[in-house]
Amino acid sequence: MTARDALQTQLERGIATLGLDLSNSVVERLLDYQALLQRWNTAYNLTAVRDPAEMIARHLLDSLAILPYVRGASLADLGTGPGLPGLVLAIAAPGRQVLLVDSNGKKVRFLREAIRALKLEGVSAVQSRVEAVEGQFDCVTARAFASLADMLGWGGHLLAPEGIWLAMKGKRPDEELPGVPAGFAVRAIHTLDVPGVDGERHLLELSRA
């Protein structure tokens, strides 16, 4: 068994555990993304995760765990880093317009190369502070890059009137809930069980109040 075969087995088992049904071509593309990230990471230090199997769990499966909650025709991923969860979601569920936002130039260069290499349509990456981004999106995702108060304070303008904001967190952020700005409301808090990831994972669904 090659190293890629082992990673594919791990990824496919994780996808099944999450209850997702993804095509073989999506799995191949996810593995291509992981390989590209691993290659770039040696030179550009895009993520602290070095081990390929750990990348599958902590990056790919962690991102895929929120796929059932994503909806709408457009998505903005704020503080995306090397494309987490936004690029993974774009690969897994093609067809929506996806904007990947990060202020780090190295990470945005990687994202643009990944979009090109993986031939992802409707996906773009912008180097920007969140508060400077324009437009409105049906779905906004953010993976623990700031407190709920800061996330919504900087990026709340990007959420369409009927849109949904998906905030990925580790432990349940009960102490942050009082800081949710006026005009927004927490609709649900989901406990996520991500295969191969130790520690708590939670997803908060927020909307305009």
C-alpha atoms as a PDB file:
ATOM      1  CA  MET A   1       0.000   0.000   0.000  1.00  0.00           C
ATOM      2  CA  THR A   2       1.387   3.389  -0.962  1.00  0.00           C
ATOM      3  CA  ALA A   3       1.343   6.358   1.401  1.00  0.00           C
ATOM      4  CA  ARG A   4      -1.453   7.908  -0.654  1.00  0.00           C
ATOM      5  CA  ASP A   5      -3.479   4.680  -0.495  1.00  0.00           C
ATOM      6  CA  ALA A   6      -3.227   4.752   3.307  1.00  0.00           C
ATOM      7  CA  LEU A   7      -4.349   8.387   3.407  1.00  0.00           C
ATOM      8  CA  GLN A   8      -7.224   7.596   1.035  1.00  0.00           C
ATOM      9  CA  THR A   9      -8.381   4.761   3.284  1.00  0.00           C
ATOM     10  CA  GLN A  10      -8.237   7.057   6.317  1.00  0.00           C
ATOM     11  CA  LEU A  11     -10.128   9.798   4.470  1.00  0.00           C
ATOM     12  CA  GLU A  12     -12.815   7.459   3.119  1.00  0.00           C
ATOM     13  CA  ARG A  13     -13.385   5.899   6.540  1.00  0.00           C
ATOM     14  CA  GLY A  14     -13.636   9.347   8.090  1.00  0.00           C
ATOM     15  CA  ILE A  15     -16.114  10.505   5.444  1.00  0.00           C
ATOM     16  CA  ALA A  16     -18.254   7.415   6.114  1.00  0.00           C
ATOM     17  CA  THR A  17     -18.096   8.002   9.882  1.00  0.00           C
ATOM     18  CA  LEU A  18     -19.297  11.572   9.330  1.00  0.00           C
ATOM     19  CA  GLY A  19     -22.253  10.179   7.377  1.00  0.00           C
ATOM     20  CA  LEU A  20     -21.256  11.916   4.156  1.00  0.00           C
ATOM     21  CA  ASP A  21     -21.548  10.569   0.631  1.00  0.00           C
ATOM     22  CA  LEU A  22     -18.759  11.996  -1.527  1.00  0.00           C
ATOM     23  CA  SER A  23     -17.790  10.804  -5.002  1.00  0.00           C
ATOM     24  CA  ASN A  24     -14.470   9.184  -5.869  1.00  0.00           C
ATOM     25  CA  SER A  25     -13.474  12.279  -7.848  1.00  0.00           C
ATOM     26  CA  VAL A  26     -14.045  14.477  -4.773  1.00  0.00           C
ATOM     27  CA  VAL A  27     -11.928  12.142  -2.630  1.00  0.00           C
ATOM     28  CA  GLU A  28      -9.136  12.257  -5.234  1.00  0.00           C
ATOM     29  CA  ARG A  29      -9.268  16.040  -5.325  1.00  0.00           C
ATOM     30  CA  LEU A  30      -9.177  16.278  -1.529  1.00  0.00           C
ATOM     31  CA  LEU A  31      -6.055  14.090  -1.534  1.00  0.00           C
ATOM     32  CA  ASP A  32      -4.524  16.264  -4.254  1.00  0.00           C
ATOM     33  CA  TYR A  33      -5.175  19.299  -2.050  1.00  0.00           C
ATOM     34  CA  GLN A  34      -3.555  17.607   0.948  1.00  0.00           C
ATOM     35  CA  ALA A  35      -0.492  16.679  -1.125  1.00  0.00           C
ATOM     36  CA  LEU A  36      -0.176  20.247  -2.429  1.00  0.00           C
ATOM     37  CA  LEU A  37      -0.510  21.662   1.075  1.00  0.00           C
ATOM     38  CA  GLN A  38       2.127  19.263   2.371  1.00  0.00           C
ATOM     39  CA  ARG A  39       4.522  20.231  -0.439  1.00  0.00           C
ATOM     40  CA  TRP A  40       4.092  23.971   0.045  1.00  0.00           C
ATOM     41  CA  ASN A  41       4.215  23.637   3.813  1.00  0.00           C
ATOM     42  CA  THR A  42       7.844  22.542   3.816  1.00  0.00           C
ATOM     43  CA  ALA A  43       8.865  25.862   2.274  1.00  0.00           C
ATOM     44  CA  TYR A  44       6.206  28.312   3.444  1.00  0.00           C
ATOM     45  CA  ASN A  45       5.098  27.024   6.865  1.00  0.00           C
ATOM     46  CA  LEU A  46       1.374  27.345   6.118  1.00  0.00           C
ATOM     47  CA  THR A  47       0.259  25.090   8.965  1.00  0.00           C
ATOM     48  CA  ALA A  48       1.797  23.711  12.147  1.00  0.00           C
ATOM     49  CA  VAL A  49       0.428  20.277  11.238  1.00  0.00           C
ATOM     50  CA  ARG A  50       3.212  18.331   9.492  1.00  0.00           C
ATOM     51  CA  ASP A  51       2.070  14.720   9.594  1.00  0.00           C
ATOM     52  CA  PRO A  52      -0.016  13.728   6.520  1.00  0.00           C
ATOM     53  CA  ALA A  53      -2.404  11.527   8.529  1.00  0.00           C
ATOM     54  CA  GLU A  54      -2.899  14.362  11.004  1.00  0.00           C
ATOM     55  CA  MET A  55      -3.641  16.692   8.073  1.00  0.00           C
ATOM     56  CA  ILE A  56      -6.394  14.323   6.936  1.00  0.00           C
ATOM     57  CA  ALA A  57      -8.007  14.374  10.386  1.00  0.00           C
ATOM     58  CA  ARG A  58      -7.398  17.905  11.625  1.00  0.00           C
ATOM     59  CA  HIS A  59      -7.766  19.717   8.316  1.00  0.00           C
ATOM     60  CA  LEU A  60      -9.874  17.700   5.879  1.00  0.00           C
ATOM     61  CA  LEU A  61     -12.244  15.773   8.151  1.00  0.00           C
ATOM     62  CA  ASP A  62     -12.568  18.691  10.573  1.00  0.00           C
ATOM     63  CA  SER A  63     -13.658  20.911   7.668  1.00  0.00           C
ATOM     64  CA  LEU A  64     -15.949  18.258   6.174  1.00  0.00           C
ATOM     65  CA  ALA A  65     -17.724  17.831   9.528  1.00  0.00           C
ATOM     66  CA  ILE A  66     -19.596  21.105   8.947  1.00  0.00           C
ATOM     67  CA  LEU A  67     -20.625  20.300   5.358  1.00  0.00           C
ATOM     68  CA  PRO A  68     -24.195  19.258   6.339  1.00  0.00           C
ATOM     69  CA  TYR A  69     -24.794  22.757   7.768  1.00  0.00           C
ATOM     70  CA  VAL A  70     -23.547  24.722   4.755  1.00  0.00           C
ATOM     71  CA  ARG A  71     -26.239  26.153   2.505  1.00  0.00           C
ATOM     72  CA  GLY A  72     -26.865  28.852  -0.078  1.00  0.00           C
ATOM     73  CA  ALA A  73     -25.323  29.791  -3.407  1.00  0.00           C
ATOM     74  CA  SER A  74     -22.381  31.785  -2.035  1.00  0.00           C
ATOM     75  CA  LEU A  75     -19.878  31.334   0.785  1.00  0.00           C
ATOM     76  CA  ALA A  76     -17.157  33.481   2.332  1.00  0.00           C
ATOM     77  CA  ASP A  77     -14.523  31.819   4.515  1.00  0.00           C
ATOM     78  CA  LEU A  78     -12.872  34.347   6.839  1.00  0.00           C
ATOM     79  CA  GLY A  79      -9.347  33.821   8.145  1.00  0.00           C
ATOM     80  CA  THR A  80      -9.172  30.794   5.870  1.00  0.00           C
ATOM     81  CA  GLY A  81      -5.423  30.206   6.259  1.00  0.00           C
ATOM     82  CA  PRO A  82      -4.508  27.474   3.760  1.00  0.00           C
ATOM     83  CA  GLY A  83      -8.202  27.008   2.878  1.00  0.00           C
ATOM     84  CA  LEU A  84      -9.823  25.669   6.033  1.00  0.00           C
ATOM     85  CA  PRO A  85     -12.686  25.026   5.871  1.00  0.00           C
ATOM     86  CA  GLY A  86     -13.520  27.020   2.726  1.00  0.00           C
ATOM     87  CA  LEU A  87     -11.380  25.297   0.109  1.00  0.00           C
ATOM     88  CA  VAL A  88     -12.242  21.849   1.452  1.00  0.00           C
ATOM     89  CA  LEU A  89     -15.961  22.717   1.303  1.00  0.00           C
ATOM     90  CA  ALA A  90     -15.547  24.045  -2.245  1.00  0.00           C
ATOM     91  CA  ILE A  91     -13.997  20.738  -3.318  1.00  0.00           C
ATOM     92  CA  ALA A  92     -16.603  18.626  -1.504  1.00  0.00           C
ATOM     93  CA  ALA A  93     -19.648  20.557  -2.721  1.00  0.00           C
ATOM     94  CA  PRO A  94     -18.824  22.366  -5.977  1.00  0.00           C
ATOM     95  CA  GLY A  95     -21.254  24.752  -7.591  1.00  0.00           C
ATOM     96  CA  ARG A  96     -21.401  27.692  -5.209  1.00  0.00           C
ATOM     97  CA  GLN A  97     -19.389  30.896  -5.393  1.00  0.00           C
ATOM     98  CA  VAL A  98     -16.676  30.741  -2.707  1.00  0.00           C
ATOM     99  CA  LEU A  99     -14.477  33.604  -1.522  1.00  0.00           C
ATOM    100  CA  LEU A 100     -11.453  32.706   0.617  1.00  0.00           C
ATOM    101  CA  VAL A 101     -10.221  35.602   2.760  1.00  0.00           C
ATOM    102  CA  ASP A 102      -6.883  35.854   4.565  1.00  0.00           C
ATOM    103  CA  SER A 103      -4.505  38.702   5.367  1.00  0.00           C
ATOM    104  CA  ASN A 104      -1.384  36.512   4.949  1.00  0.00           C
ATOM    105  CA  GLY A 105       0.169  36.851   1.496  1.00  0.00           C
ATOM    106  CA  LYS A 106       1.907  33.464   1.533  1.00  0.00           C
ATOM    107  CA  LYS A 107      -1.323  31.686   2.340  1.00  0.00           C
ATOM    108  CA  VAL A 108      -3.257  33.534  -0.373  1.00  0.00           C
ATOM    109  CA  ARG A 109      -0.555  32.665  -2.941  1.00  0.00           C
ATOM    110  CA  PHE A 110      -0.932  29.022  -1.955  1.00  0.00           C
ATOM    111  CA  LEU A 111      -4.722  29.271  -2.236  1.00  0.00           C
ATOM    112  CA  ARG A 112      -4.515  30.730  -5.738  1.00  0.00           C
ATOM    113  CA  GLU A 113      -2.158  27.955  -6.816  1.00  0.00           C
ATOM    114  CA  ALA A 114      -4.474  25.332  -5.272  1.00  0.00           C
ATOM    115  CA  ILE A 115      -7.512  26.815  -7.062  1.00  0.00           C
ATOM    116  CA  ARG A 116      -5.576  26.715 -10.351  1.00  0.00           C
ATOM    117  CA  ALA A 117      -4.058  23.251  -9.871  1.00  0.00           C
ATOM    118  CA  LEU A 118      -7.328  21.673  -8.738  1.00  0.00           C
ATOM    119  CA  LYS A 119      -9.317  23.480 -11.457  1.00  0.00           C
ATOM    120  CA  LEU A 120     -11.869  24.826  -8.987  1.00  0.00           C
ATOM    121  CA  GLU A 121     -14.524  26.940 -10.673  1.00  0.00           C
ATOM    122  CA  GLY A 122     -16.251  29.799  -8.870  1.00  0.00           C
ATOM    123  CA  VAL A 123     -13.585  29.894  -6.147  1.00  0.00           C
ATOM    124  CA  SER A 124     -11.356  32.927  -5.539  1.00  0.00           C
ATOM    125  CA  ALA A 125      -8.911  34.059  -2.869  1.00  0.00           C
ATOM    126  CA  VAL A 126      -8.310  37.609  -1.665  1.00  0.00           C
ATOM    127  CA  GLN A 127      -5.585  38.993   0.577  1.00  0.00           C
ATOM    128  CA  SER A 128      -7.452  41.386   2.833  1.00  0.00           C
ATOM    129  CA  ARG A 129      -8.455  42.212   6.351  1.00  0.00           C
ATOM    130  CA  VAL A 130     -11.947  40.888   6.970  1.00  0.00           C
ATOM    131  CA  GLU A 131     -13.436  44.314   7.630  1.00  0.00           C
ATOM    132  CA  ALA A 132     -12.319  45.556   4.187  1.00  0.00           C
ATOM    133  CA  VAL A 133     -14.069  42.793   2.231  1.00  0.00           C
ATOM    134  CA  GLU A 134     -17.218  43.786   0.364  1.00  0.00           C
ATOM    135  CA  GLY A 135     -20.306  41.868  -0.706  1.00  0.00           C
ATOM    136  CA  GLN A 136     -22.875  39.674   1.005  1.00  0.00           C
ATOM    137  CA  PHE A 137     -22.916  35.913   1.246  1.00  0.00           C
ATOM    138  CA  ASP A 138     -25.523  33.255   1.989  1.00  0.00           C
ATOM    139  CA  CYS A 139     -23.058  31.437   4.216  1.00  0.00           C
ATOM    140  CA  VAL A 140     -20.054  32.746   6.151  1.00  0.00           C
ATOM    141  CA  THR A 141     -17.608  30.320   7.745  1.00  0.00           C
ATOM    142  CA  ALA A 142     -14.817  30.987  10.231  1.00  0.00           C
ATOM    143  CA  ARG A 143     -12.617  28.483  12.035  1.00  0.00           C
ATOM    144  CA  ALA A 144     -11.722  29.839  15.482  1.00  0.00           C
ATOM    145  CA  PHE A 145      -9.756  32.819  14.208  1.00  0.00           C
ATOM    146  CA  ALA A 146     -11.298  35.209  16.739  1.00  0.00           C
ATOM    147  CA  SER A 147     -13.965  35.530  19.411  1.00  0.00           C
ATOM    148  CA  LEU A 148     -17.598  35.593  18.287  1.00  0.00           C
ATOM    149  CA  ALA A 149     -17.750  39.300  19.158  1.00  0.00           C
ATOM    150  CA  ASP A 150     -14.726  40.091  16.980  1.00  0.00           C
ATOM    151  CA  MET A 151     -15.750  37.769  14.144  1.00  0.00           C
ATOM    152  CA  LEU A 152     -19.146  39.418  13.820  1.00  0.00           C
ATOM    153  CA  GLY A 153     -17.803  42.876  14.561  1.00  0.00           C
ATOM    154  CA  TRP A 154     -15.307  42.636  11.701  1.00  0.00           C
ATOM    155  CA  GLY A 155     -17.265  40.499   9.259  1.00  0.00           C
ATOM    156  CA  GLY A 156     -20.934  40.738  10.152  1.00  0.00           C
ATOM    157  CA  HIS A 157     -21.579  43.040   7.178  1.00  0.00           C
ATOM    158  CA  LEU A 158     -20.807  40.099   4.867  1.00  0.00           C
ATOM    159  CA  LEU A 159     -23.797  38.039   6.014  1.00  0.00           C
ATOM    160  CA  ALA A 160     -26.803  38.251   3.702  1.00  0.00           C
ATOM    161  CA  PRO A 161     -30.146  39.075   5.392  1.00  0.00           C
ATOM    162  CA  GLU A 162     -31.309  35.436   5.355  1.00  0.00           C
ATOM    163  CA  GLY A 163     -27.805  34.020   5.575  1.00  0.00           C
ATOM    164  CA  ILE A 164     -26.171  31.690   8.073  1.00  0.00           C
ATOM    165  CA  TRP A 165     -22.885  32.172   9.914  1.00  0.00           C
ATOM    166  CA  LEU A 166     -21.015  28.996  10.864  1.00  0.00           C
ATOM    167  CA  ALA A 167     -18.402  29.509  13.580  1.00  0.00           C
ATOM    168  CA  MET A 168     -16.113  26.553  14.261  1.00  0.00           C
ATOM    169  CA  LYS A 169     -14.818  26.296  17.806  1.00  0.00           C
ATOM    170  CA  GLY A 170     -13.028  23.838  20.055  1.00  0.00           C
ATOM    171  CA  LYS A 171     -14.656  23.772  23.450  1.00  0.00           C
ATOM    172  CA  ARG A 172     -18.185  25.148  23.721  1.00  0.00           C
ATOM    173  CA  PRO A 173     -17.688  28.945  23.946  1.00  0.00           C
ATOM    174  CA  ASP A 174     -20.367  29.721  26.507  1.00  0.00           C
ATOM    175  CA  GLU A 175     -18.384  32.666  27.867  1.00  0.00           C
ATOM    176  CA  GLU A 176     -18.436  34.277  24.395  1.00  0.00           C
ATOM    177  CA  LEU A 177     -22.200  34.094  23.900  1.00  0.00           C
ATOM    178  CA  PRO A 178     -23.015  37.320  25.826  1.00  0.00           C
ATOM    179  CA  GLY A 179     -20.616  39.142  23.492  1.00  0.00           C
ATOM    180  CA  VAL A 180     -22.584  38.366  20.321  1.00  0.00           C
ATOM    181  CA  PRO A 181     -23.321  41.828  18.864  1.00  0.00           C
ATOM    182  CA  ALA A 182     -26.818  43.262  18.678  1.00  0.00           C
ATOM    183  CA  GLY A 183     -28.499  42.289  15.440  1.00  0.00           C
ATOM    184  CA  PHE A 184     -27.201  38.715  15.530  1.00  0.00           C
ATOM    185  CA  ALA A 185     -28.505  35.620  17.284  1.00  0.00           C
ATOM    186  CA  VAL A 186     -27.194  32.129  18.013  1.00  0.00           C
ATOM    187  CA  ARG A 187     -29.579  29.669  16.362  1.00  0.00           C
ATOM    188  CA  ALA A 188     -27.936  26.391  17.365  1.00  0.00           C
ATOM    189  CA  ILE A 189     -24.821  24.882  18.897  1.00  0.00           C
ATOM    190  CA  HIS A 190     -23.745  21.515  17.529  1.00  0.00           C
ATOM    191  CA  THR A 191     -21.249  19.131  19.107  1.00  0.00           C
ATOM    192  CA  LEU A 192     -19.085  17.620  16.369  1.00  0.00           C
ATOM    193  CA  ASP A 193     -17.342  14.266  16.585  1.00  0.00           C
ATOM    194  CA  VAL A 194     -14.448  14.391  14.113  1.00  0.00           C
ATOM    195  CA  PRO A 195     -12.714  11.067  13.391  1.00  0.00           C
ATOM    196  CA  GLY A 196      -9.095  11.161  14.531  1.00  0.00           C
ATOM    197  CA  VAL A 197      -9.382  14.525  16.299  1.00  0.00           C
ATOM    198  CA  ASP A 198      -9.019  14.538  20.070  1.00  0.00           C
ATOM    199  CA  GLY A 199     -10.646  17.256  22.122  1.00  0.00           C
ATOM    200  CA  GLU A 200     -13.963  19.020  21.808  1.00  0.00           C
ATOM    201  CA  ARG A 201     -15.260  20.448  18.542  1.00  0.00           C
ATOM    202  CA  HIS A 202     -18.328  22.663  18.324  1.00  0.00           C
ATOM    203  CA  LEU A 203     -20.147  24.471  15.545  1.00  0.00           C
ATOM    204  CA  LEU A 204     -22.263  27.547  16.204  1.00  0.00           C
ATOM    205  CA  GLU A 205     -24.981  28.583  13.782  1.00  0.00           C
ATOM    206  CA  LEU A 206     -25.748  32.303  13.895  1.00  0.00           C
ATOM    207  CA  SER A 207     -28.029  34.508  11.844  1.00  0.00           C
ATOM    208  CA  ARG A 208     -29.290  38.050  11.748  1.00  0.00           C
ATOM    209  CA  ALA A 209     -31.710  38.614  14.606  1.00  0.00           C
END
